[in-house]
Amino acid sequence: MSSSTTLAIYRLPTARATEVGHVRVVIDRHQQRYVEGNRVVTAVPSGDFLILKLANEQVYYVKAKDYQRIQTTSGPGGKRKRARGRDTQG
């Protein structure tokens, strides 16, 4: 099971940063984060931002509070799996 959401990206990690788009962020069942299908290798703080470096060498600037919000809302306690093998009819 994985969780997916979008996250705003910025041109530079500065106070007057310009939002340049959005990327899809997926958190898998092992709590690994993926941006646009590539694993996040590092998330380095830079003021109010994080500099995300991906496995394919791409770099994205995102707001740290937005990235942390995704981490806390996508944790355990979400949907539960259905019990397997139970016959509900009969």
PDB file of N, CA and C in Angstrom:
ATOM      1  N   MET A   1       0.841  -1.175   0.000  1.00  0.00           N
ATOM      2  CA  MET A   1       0.000   0.000   0.000  1.00  0.00           C
ATOM      3  C   MET A   1       0.887   1.239   0.000  1.00  0.00           C
ATOM      4  N   SER A   2       0.508   2.247  -0.749  1.00  0.00           N
ATOM      5  CA  SER A   2       1.284   3.480  -0.759  1.00  0.00           C
ATOM      6  C   SER A   2       0.341   4.674  -0.694  1.00  0.00           C
ATOM      7  N   SER A   3       0.902   5.787  -0.261  1.00  0.00           N
ATOM      8  CA  SER A   3       0.148   7.021  -0.139  1.00  0.00           C
ATOM      9  C   SER A   3       0.718   8.018  -1.135  1.00  0.00           C
ATOM     10  N   SER A   4      -0.140   8.806  -1.768  1.00  0.00           N
ATOM     11  CA  SER A   4       0.325   9.739  -2.786  1.00  0.00           C
ATOM     12  C   SER A   4      -0.313  11.107  -2.584  1.00  0.00           C
ATOM     13  N   THR A   5       0.472  12.148  -2.846  1.00  0.00           N
ATOM     14  CA  THR A   5      -0.024  13.516  -2.779  1.00  0.00           C
ATOM     15  C   THR A   5       0.847  14.390  -3.672  1.00  0.00           C
ATOM     16  N   THR A   6       0.470  15.648  -3.842  1.00  0.00           N
ATOM     17  CA  THR A   6       1.302  16.564  -4.619  1.00  0.00           C
ATOM     18  C   THR A   6       1.928  17.589  -3.686  1.00  0.00           C
ATOM     19  N   LEU A   7       3.069  18.118  -4.128  1.00  0.00           N
ATOM     20  CA  LEU A   7       3.843  19.046  -3.325  1.00  0.00           C
ATOM     21  C   LEU A   7       4.340  20.160  -4.229  1.00  0.00           C
ATOM     22  N   ALA A   8       4.218  21.412  -3.766  1.00  0.00           N
ATOM     23  CA  ALA A   8       4.691  22.558  -4.544  1.00  0.00           C
ATOM     24  C   ALA A   8       6.215  22.551  -4.597  1.00  0.00           C
ATOM     25  N   ILE A   9       6.766  22.915  -5.762  1.00  0.00           N
ATOM     26  CA  ILE A   9       8.216  23.057  -5.904  1.00  0.00           C
ATOM     27  C   ILE A   9       8.540  24.508  -6.230  1.00  0.00           C
ATOM     28  N   TYR A  10       9.752  24.922  -5.881  1.00  0.00           N
ATOM     29  CA  TYR A  10      10.149  26.317  -5.998  1.00  0.00           C
ATOM     30  C   TYR A  10      11.441  26.453  -6.796  1.00  0.00           C
ATOM     31  N   ARG A  11      11.640  27.646  -7.361  1.00  0.00           N
ATOM     32  CA  ARG A  11      12.827  27.914  -8.174  1.00  0.00           C
ATOM     33  C   ARG A  11      14.096  27.924  -7.328  1.00  0.00           C
ATOM     34  N   LEU A  12      14.076  28.613  -6.187  1.00  0.00           N
ATOM     35  CA  LEU A  12      15.220  28.706  -5.275  1.00  0.00           C
ATOM     36  C   LEU A  12      14.732  28.631  -3.837  1.00  0.00           C
ATOM     37  N   PRO A  13      15.577  28.154  -2.907  1.00  0.00           N
ATOM     38  CA  PRO A  13      15.164  28.077  -1.498  1.00  0.00           C
ATOM     39  C   PRO A  13      15.384  29.401  -0.770  1.00  0.00           C
ATOM     40  N   THR A  14      14.651  30.448  -1.177  1.00  0.00           N
ATOM     41  CA  THR A  14      14.771  31.765  -0.553  1.00  0.00           C
ATOM     42  C   THR A  14      13.403  32.238  -0.067  1.00  0.00           C
ATOM     43  N   ALA A  15      13.410  33.286   0.752  1.00  0.00           N
ATOM     44  CA  ALA A  15      12.158  33.805   1.325  1.00  0.00           C
ATOM     45  C   ALA A  15      11.179  34.249   0.235  1.00  0.00           C
ATOM     46  N   ARG A  16      11.688  34.782  -0.874  1.00  0.00           N
ATOM     47  CA  ARG A  16      10.811  35.235  -1.961  1.00  0.00           C
ATOM     48  C   ARG A  16      10.784  34.238  -3.117  1.00  0.00           C
ATOM     49  N   ALA A  17      10.829  32.977  -2.777  1.00  0.00           N
ATOM     50  CA  ALA A  17      10.871  31.921  -3.786  1.00  0.00           C
ATOM     51  C   ALA A  17       9.615  31.917  -4.639  1.00  0.00           C
ATOM     52  N   THR A  18       9.809  31.652  -5.918  1.00  0.00           N
ATOM     53  CA  THR A  18       8.705  31.571  -6.866  1.00  0.00           C
ATOM     54  C   THR A  18       8.294  30.115  -7.028  1.00  0.00           C
ATOM     55  N   GLU A  19       7.010  29.848  -6.821  1.00  0.00           N
ATOM     56  CA  GLU A  19       6.501  28.494  -7.035  1.00  0.00           C
ATOM     57  C   GLU A  19       6.500  28.227  -8.530  1.00  0.00           C
ATOM     58  N   VAL A  20       7.099  27.113  -8.945  1.00  0.00           N
ATOM     59  CA  VAL A  20       7.208  26.821 -10.374  1.00  0.00           C
ATOM     60  C   VAL A  20       6.401  25.602 -10.805  1.00  0.00           C
ATOM     61  N   GLY A  21       5.751  24.936  -9.867  1.00  0.00           N
ATOM     62  CA  GLY A  21       4.939  23.781 -10.238  1.00  0.00           C
ATOM     63  C   GLY A  21       4.690  22.868  -9.061  1.00  0.00           C
ATOM     64  N   HIS A  22       4.268  21.657  -9.393  1.00  0.00           N
ATOM     65  CA  HIS A  22       3.978  20.644  -8.384  1.00  0.00           C
ATOM     66  C   HIS A  22       4.570  19.315  -8.828  1.00  0.00           C
ATOM     67  N   VAL A  23       4.927  18.487  -7.855  1.00  0.00           N
ATOM     68  CA  VAL A  23       5.401  17.141  -8.135  1.00  0.00           C
ATOM     69  C   VAL A  23       4.579  16.154  -7.325  1.00  0.00           C
ATOM     70  N   ARG A  24       4.513  14.951  -7.807  1.00  0.00           N
ATOM     71  CA  ARG A  24       3.788  13.881  -7.120  1.00  0.00           C
ATOM     72  C   ARG A  24       4.748  13.193  -6.160  1.00  0.00           C
ATOM     73  N   VAL A  25       4.327  13.075  -4.911  1.00  0.00           N
ATOM     74  CA  VAL A  25       5.125  12.418  -3.881  1.00  0.00           C
ATOM     75  C   VAL A  25       4.384  11.165  -3.435  1.00  0.00           C
ATOM     76  N   VAL A  26       5.093  10.040  -3.426  1.00  0.00           N
ATOM     77  CA  VAL A  26       4.519   8.768  -3.000  1.00  0.00           C
ATOM     78  C   VAL A  26       5.338   8.247  -1.829  1.00  0.00           C
ATOM     79  N   ILE A  27       4.658   7.779  -0.804  1.00  0.00           N
ATOM     80  CA  ILE A  27       5.307   7.139   0.338  1.00  0.00           C
ATOM     81  C   ILE A  27       4.861   5.689   0.340  1.00  0.00           C
ATOM     82  N   ASP A  28       5.830   4.772   0.206  1.00  0.00           N
ATOM     83  CA  ASP A  28       5.462   3.361   0.127  1.00  0.00           C
ATOM     84  C   ASP A  28       5.277   2.758   1.522  1.00  0.00           C
ATOM     85  N   ARG A  29       4.971   1.500   1.567  1.00  0.00           N
ATOM     86  CA  ARG A  29       4.670   0.847   2.845  1.00  0.00           C
ATOM     87  C   ARG A  29       5.875   0.757   3.773  1.00  0.00           C
ATOM     88  N   HIS A  30       7.080   0.979   3.235  1.00  0.00           N
ATOM     89  CA  HIS A  30       8.295   0.980   4.047  1.00  0.00           C
ATOM     90  C   HIS A  30       8.722   2.398   4.416  1.00  0.00           C
ATOM     91  N   GLN A  31       7.818   3.368   4.175  1.00  0.00           N
ATOM     92  CA  GLN A  31       8.048   4.790   4.460  1.00  0.00           C
ATOM     93  C   GLN A  31       9.156   5.401   3.611  1.00  0.00           C
ATOM     94  N   GLN A  32       9.462   4.783   2.461  1.00  0.00           N
ATOM     95  CA  GLN A  32      10.381   5.377   1.494  1.00  0.00           C
ATOM     96  C   GLN A  32       9.603   6.411   0.693  1.00  0.00           C
ATOM     97  N   ARG A  33      10.237   7.553   0.450  1.00  0.00           N
ATOM     98  CA  ARG A  33       9.587   8.617  -0.314  1.00  0.00           C
ATOM     99  C   ARG A  33      10.090   8.629  -1.748  1.00  0.00           C
ATOM    100  N   TYR A  34       9.177   8.844  -2.688  1.00  0.00           N
ATOM    101  CA  TYR A  34       9.486   8.923  -4.109  1.00  0.00           C
ATOM    102  C   TYR A  34       8.874  10.197  -4.670  1.00  0.00           C
ATOM    103  N   VAL A  35       9.640  10.926  -5.456  1.00  0.00           N
ATOM    104  CA  VAL A  35       9.158  12.124  -6.129  1.00  0.00           C
ATOM    105  C   VAL A  35       9.207  11.850  -7.616  1.00  0.00           C
ATOM    106  N   GLU A  36       8.047  11.956  -8.265  1.00  0.00           N
ATOM    107  CA  GLU A  36       7.952  11.683  -9.698  1.00  0.00           C
ATOM    108  C   GLU A  36       8.565  10.328 -10.052  1.00  0.00           C
ATOM    109  N   GLY A  37       8.365   9.335  -9.177  1.00  0.00           N
ATOM    110  CA  GLY A  37       8.813   7.975  -9.442  1.00  0.00           C
ATOM    111  C   GLY A  37      10.260   7.683  -9.086  1.00  0.00           C
ATOM    112  N   ASN A  38      10.989   8.642  -8.538  1.00  0.00           N
ATOM    113  CA  ASN A  38      12.390   8.453  -8.174  1.00  0.00           C
ATOM    114  C   ASN A  38      12.568   8.608  -6.671  1.00  0.00           C
ATOM    115  N   ARG A  39      13.340   7.685  -6.083  1.00  0.00           N
ATOM    116  CA  ARG A  39      13.533   7.680  -4.631  1.00  0.00           C
ATOM    117  C   ARG A  39      14.268   8.935  -4.168  1.00  0.00           C
ATOM    118  N   VAL A  40      13.802   9.501  -3.044  1.00  0.00           N
ATOM    119  CA  VAL A  40      14.477  10.643  -2.429  1.00  0.00           C
ATOM    120  C   VAL A  40      15.701  10.100  -1.684  1.00  0.00           C
ATOM    121  N   VAL A  41      16.896  10.549  -2.101  1.00  0.00           N
ATOM    122  CA  VAL A  41      18.147  10.084  -1.512  1.00  0.00           C
ATOM    123  C   VAL A  41      18.511  10.935  -0.311  1.00  0.00           C
ATOM    124  N   THR A  42      18.419  12.267  -0.451  1.00  0.00           N
ATOM    125  CA  THR A  42      18.708  13.167   0.669  1.00  0.00           C
ATOM    126  C   THR A  42      17.679  14.291   0.708  1.00  0.00           C
ATOM    127  N   ALA A  43      17.464  14.817   1.906  1.00  0.00           N
ATOM    128  CA  ALA A  43      16.604  15.984   2.121  1.00  0.00           C
ATOM    129  C   ALA A  43      17.380  16.915   3.041  1.00  0.00           C
ATOM    130  N   VAL A  44      18.067  17.898   2.445  1.00  0.00           N
ATOM    131  CA  VAL A  44      18.956  18.786   3.191  1.00  0.00           C
ATOM    132  C   VAL A  44      18.225  20.090   3.524  1.00  0.00           C
ATOM    133  N   PRO A  45      18.179  20.479   4.812  1.00  0.00           N
ATOM    134  CA  PRO A  45      17.532  21.733   5.197  1.00  0.00           C
ATOM    135  C   PRO A  45      18.269  22.955   4.657  1.00  0.00           C
ATOM    136  N   SER A  46      17.486  23.958   4.243  1.00  0.00           N
ATOM    137  CA  SER A  46      18.031  25.246   3.803  1.00  0.00           C
ATOM    138  C   SER A  46      17.001  26.311   4.171  1.00  0.00           C
ATOM    139  N   GLY A  47      17.101  26.847   5.369  1.00  0.00           N
ATOM    140  CA  GLY A  47      16.111  27.806   5.849  1.00  0.00           C
ATOM    141  C   GLY A  47      14.760  27.137   6.021  1.00  0.00           C
ATOM    142  N   ASP A  48      13.721  27.704   5.409  1.00  0.00           N
ATOM    143  CA  ASP A  48      12.370  27.136   5.480  1.00  0.00           C
ATOM    144  C   ASP A  48      12.154  26.037   4.450  1.00  0.00           C
ATOM    145  N   PHE A  49      13.188  25.687   3.711  1.00  0.00           N
ATOM    146  CA  PHE A  49      13.067  24.732   2.613  1.00  0.00           C
ATOM    147  C   PHE A  49      13.881  23.472   2.863  1.00  0.00           C
ATOM    148  N   LEU A  50      13.577  22.447   2.055  1.00  0.00           N
ATOM    149  CA  LEU A  50      14.403  21.252   1.970  1.00  0.00           C
ATOM    150  C   LEU A  50      14.860  21.132   0.528  1.00  0.00           C
ATOM    151  N   ILE A  51      16.097  20.750   0.355  1.00  0.00           N
ATOM    152  CA  ILE A  51      16.618  20.473  -0.981  1.00  0.00           C
ATOM    153  C   ILE A  51      16.587  18.962  -1.136  1.00  0.00           C
ATOM    154  N   LEU A  52      15.686  18.476  -1.979  1.00  0.00           N
ATOM    155  CA  LEU A  52      15.533  17.039  -2.189  1.00  0.00           C
ATOM    156  C   LEU A  52      16.401  16.602  -3.361  1.00  0.00           C
ATOM    157  N   LYS A  53      17.278  15.644  -3.116  1.00  0.00           N
ATOM    158  CA  LYS A  53      18.071  15.068  -4.197  1.00  0.00           C
ATOM    159  C   LYS A  53      17.531  13.670  -4.445  1.00  0.00           C
ATOM    160  N   LEU A  54      17.238  13.375  -5.699  1.00  0.00           N
ATOM    161  CA  LEU A  54      16.633  12.103  -6.066  1.00  0.00           C
ATOM    162  C   LEU A  54      17.681  11.127  -6.585  1.00  0.00           C
ATOM    163  N   ALA A  55      17.297   9.877  -6.679  1.00  0.00           N
ATOM    164  CA  ALA A  55      18.192   8.828  -7.152  1.00  0.00           C
ATOM    165  C   ALA A  55      18.662   9.076  -8.587  1.00  0.00           C
ATOM    166  N   ASN A  56      17.874   9.792  -9.380  1.00  0.00           N
ATOM    167  CA  ASN A  56      18.255  10.072 -10.771  1.00  0.00           C
ATOM    168  C   ASN A  56      19.017  11.395 -10.900  1.00  0.00           C
ATOM    169  N   GLU A  57      19.518  11.930  -9.765  1.00  0.00           N
ATOM    170  CA  GLU A  57      20.321  13.162  -9.707  1.00  0.00           C
ATOM    171  C   GLU A  57      19.514  14.451  -9.856  1.00  0.00           C
ATOM    172  N   GLN A  58      18.191  14.387  -9.989  1.00  0.00           N
ATOM    173  CA  GLN A  58      17.389  15.607 -10.034  1.00  0.00           C
ATOM    174  C   GLN A  58      17.336  16.224  -8.642  1.00  0.00           C
ATOM    175  N   VAL A  59      17.142  17.537  -8.599  1.00  0.00           N
ATOM    176  CA  VAL A  59      17.052  18.272  -7.344  1.00  0.00           C
ATOM    177  C   VAL A  59      15.779  19.109  -7.358  1.00  0.00           C
ATOM    178  N   TYR A  60      15.029  19.083  -6.252  1.00  0.00           N
ATOM    179  CA  TYR A  60      13.824  19.893  -6.100  1.00  0.00           C
ATOM    180  C   TYR A  60      13.905  20.663  -4.795  1.00  0.00           C
ATOM    181  N   TYR A  61      13.380  21.890  -4.805  1.00  0.00           N
ATOM    182  CA  TYR A  61      13.268  22.710  -3.609  1.00  0.00           C
ATOM    183  C   TYR A  61      11.812  22.704  -3.172  1.00  0.00           C
ATOM    184  N   VAL A  62      11.573  22.275  -1.935  1.00  0.00           N
ATOM    185  CA  VAL A  62      10.214  22.224  -1.388  1.00  0.00           C
ATOM    186  C   VAL A  62      10.214  22.865  -0.007  1.00  0.00           C
ATOM    187  N   LYS A  63       9.066  23.324   0.431  1.00  0.00           N
ATOM    188  CA  LYS A  63       8.959  23.889   1.780  1.00  0.00           C
ATOM    189  C   LYS A  63       9.001  22.741   2.790  1.00  0.00           C
ATOM    190  N   ALA A  64       9.843  22.914   3.805  1.00  0.00           N
ATOM    191  CA  ALA A  64      10.048  21.870   4.811  1.00  0.00           C
ATOM    192  C   ALA A  64       8.751  21.518   5.527  1.00  0.00           C
ATOM    193  N   LYS A  65       7.945  22.531   5.871  1.00  0.00           N
ATOM    194  CA  LYS A  65       6.702  22.247   6.605  1.00  0.00           C
ATOM    195  C   LYS A  65       5.727  21.431   5.760  1.00  0.00           C
ATOM    196  N   ASP A  66       5.703  21.651   4.446  1.00  0.00           N
ATOM    197  CA  ASP A  66       4.828  20.873   3.560  1.00  0.00           C
ATOM    198  C   ASP A  66       5.303  19.423   3.466  1.00  0.00           C
ATOM    199  N   TYR A  67       6.620  19.235   3.359  1.00  0.00           N
ATOM    200  CA  TYR A  67       7.195  17.890   3.272  1.00  0.00           C
ATOM    201  C   TYR A  67       6.958  17.125   4.574  1.00  0.00           C
ATOM    202  N   GLN A  68       7.109  17.784   5.712  1.00  0.00           N
ATOM    203  CA  GLN A  68       6.875  17.154   7.007  1.00  0.00           C
ATOM    204  C   GLN A  68       5.407  16.816   7.202  1.00  0.00           C
ATOM    205  N   ARG A  69       4.519  17.672   6.687  1.00  0.00           N
ATOM    206  CA  ARG A  69       3.083  17.410   6.783  1.00  0.00           C
ATOM    207  C   ARG A  69       2.739  16.106   6.069  1.00  0.00           C
ATOM    208  N   ILE A  70       3.359  15.884   4.924  1.00  0.00           N
ATOM    209  CA  ILE A  70       3.126  14.641   4.180  1.00  0.00           C
ATOM    210  C   ILE A  70       3.590  13.455   5.002  1.00  0.00           C
ATOM    211  N   GLN A  71       4.733  13.578   5.668  1.00  0.00           N
ATOM    212  CA  GLN A  71       5.262  12.481   6.469  1.00  0.00           C
ATOM    213  C   GLN A  71       4.335  12.119   7.610  1.00  0.00           C
ATOM    214  N   THR A  72       3.767  13.119   8.270  1.00  0.00           N
ATOM    215  CA  THR A  72       2.943  12.831   9.440  1.00  0.00           C
ATOM    216  C   THR A  72       1.550  12.349   9.064  1.00  0.00           C
ATOM    217  N   THR A  73       1.013  12.779   7.928  1.00  0.00           N
ATOM    218  CA  THR A  73      -0.337  12.355   7.570  1.00  0.00           C
ATOM    219  C   THR A  73      -0.351  11.034   6.823  1.00  0.00           C
ATOM    220  N   SER A  74       0.806  10.557   6.389  1.00  0.00           N
ATOM    221  CA  SER A  74       0.850   9.320   5.612  1.00  0.00           C
ATOM    222  C   SER A  74       1.364   8.141   6.424  1.00  0.00           C
ATOM    223  N   GLY A  75       1.430   8.284   7.720  1.00  0.00           N
ATOM    224  CA  GLY A  75       1.983   7.234   8.559  1.00  0.00           C
ATOM    225  C   GLY A  75       0.991   6.114   8.819  1.00  0.00           C
ATOM    226  N   PRO A  76       1.347   5.194   9.717  1.00  0.00           N
ATOM    227  CA  PRO A  76       0.468   4.078  10.054  1.00  0.00           C
ATOM    228  C   PRO A  76      -0.861   4.563  10.620  1.00  0.00           C
ATOM    229  N   GLY A  77      -1.845   3.716  10.516  1.00  0.00           N
ATOM    230  CA  GLY A  77      -3.152   4.056  11.059  1.00  0.00           C
ATOM    231  C   GLY A  77      -4.135   4.462   9.976  1.00  0.00           C
ATOM    232  N   GLY A  78      -3.739   4.336   8.752  1.00  0.00           N
ATOM    233  CA  GLY A  78      -4.611   4.657   7.631  1.00  0.00           C
ATOM    234  C   GLY A  78      -5.612   3.538   7.404  1.00  0.00           C
ATOM    235  N   LYS A  79      -5.816   3.192   6.172  1.00  0.00           N
ATOM    236  CA  LYS A  79      -6.767   2.130   5.841  1.00  0.00           C
ATOM    237  C   LYS A  79      -6.249   0.778   6.325  1.00  0.00           C
ATOM    238  N   ARG A  80      -7.162  -0.058   6.739  1.00  0.00           N
ATOM    239  CA  ARG A  80      -6.795  -1.391   7.179  1.00  0.00           C
ATOM    240  C   ARG A  80      -7.070  -2.387   6.075  1.00  0.00           C
ATOM    241  N   LYS A  81      -6.288  -3.451   6.071  1.00  0.00           N
ATOM    242  CA  LYS A  81      -6.493  -4.510   5.087  1.00  0.00           C
ATOM    243  C   LYS A  81      -7.716  -5.318   5.484  1.00  0.00           C
ATOM    244  N   ARG A  82      -8.384  -5.843   4.473  1.00  0.00           N
ATOM    245  CA  ARG A  82      -9.524  -6.727   4.746  1.00  0.00           C
ATOM    246  C   ARG A  82      -9.021  -8.106   5.144  1.00  0.00           C
ATOM    247  N   ALA A  83      -9.782  -8.769   5.977  1.00  0.00           N
ATOM    248  CA  ALA A  83      -9.443 -10.126   6.349  1.00  0.00           C
ATOM    249  C   ALA A  83      -9.591 -11.030   5.141  1.00  0.00           C
ATOM    250  N   ARG A  84      -8.599 -11.863   4.905  1.00  0.00           N
ATOM    251  CA  ARG A  84      -8.630 -12.769   3.759  1.00  0.00           C
ATOM    252  C   ARG A  84      -9.260 -14.097   4.157  1.00  0.00           C
ATOM    253  N   GLY A  85      -9.889 -14.712   3.188  1.00  0.00           N
ATOM    254  CA  GLY A  85     -10.379 -16.063   3.375  1.00  0.00           C
ATOM    255  C   GLY A  85     -11.717 -16.164   4.096  1.00  0.00           C
ATOM    256  N   ARG A  86     -12.309 -15.075   4.427  1.00  0.00           N
ATOM    257  CA  ARG A  86     -13.612 -15.146   5.101  1.00  0.00           C
ATOM    258  C   ARG A  86     -14.714 -15.142   4.075  1.00  0.00           C
ATOM    259  N   ASP A  87     -15.644 -16.026   4.273  1.00  0.00           N
ATOM    260  CA  ASP A  87     -16.799 -16.086   3.385  1.00  0.00           C
ATOM    261  C   ASP A  87     -17.933 -15.316   4.051  1.00  0.00           C
ATOM    262  N   THR A  88     -18.321 -14.187   3.466  1.00  0.00           N
ATOM    263  CA  THR A  88     -19.368 -13.371   4.083  1.00  0.00           C
ATOM    264  C   THR A  88     -20.756 -13.786   3.635  1.00  0.00           C
ATOM    265  N   GLN A  89     -20.826 -14.653   2.645  1.00  0.00           N
ATOM    266  CA  GLN A  89     -22.145 -15.112   2.190  1.00  0.00           C
ATOM    267  C   GLN A  89     -22.402 -16.509   2.719  1.00  0.00           C
ATOM    268  N   GLY A  90     -23.513 -16.668   3.381  1.00  0.00           N
ATOM    269  CA  GLY A  90     -23.894 -18.022   3.739  1.00  0.00           C
ATOM    270  C   GLY A  90     -23.767 -18.303   5.117  1.00  0.00           C
TER     271      GLY A  90
END
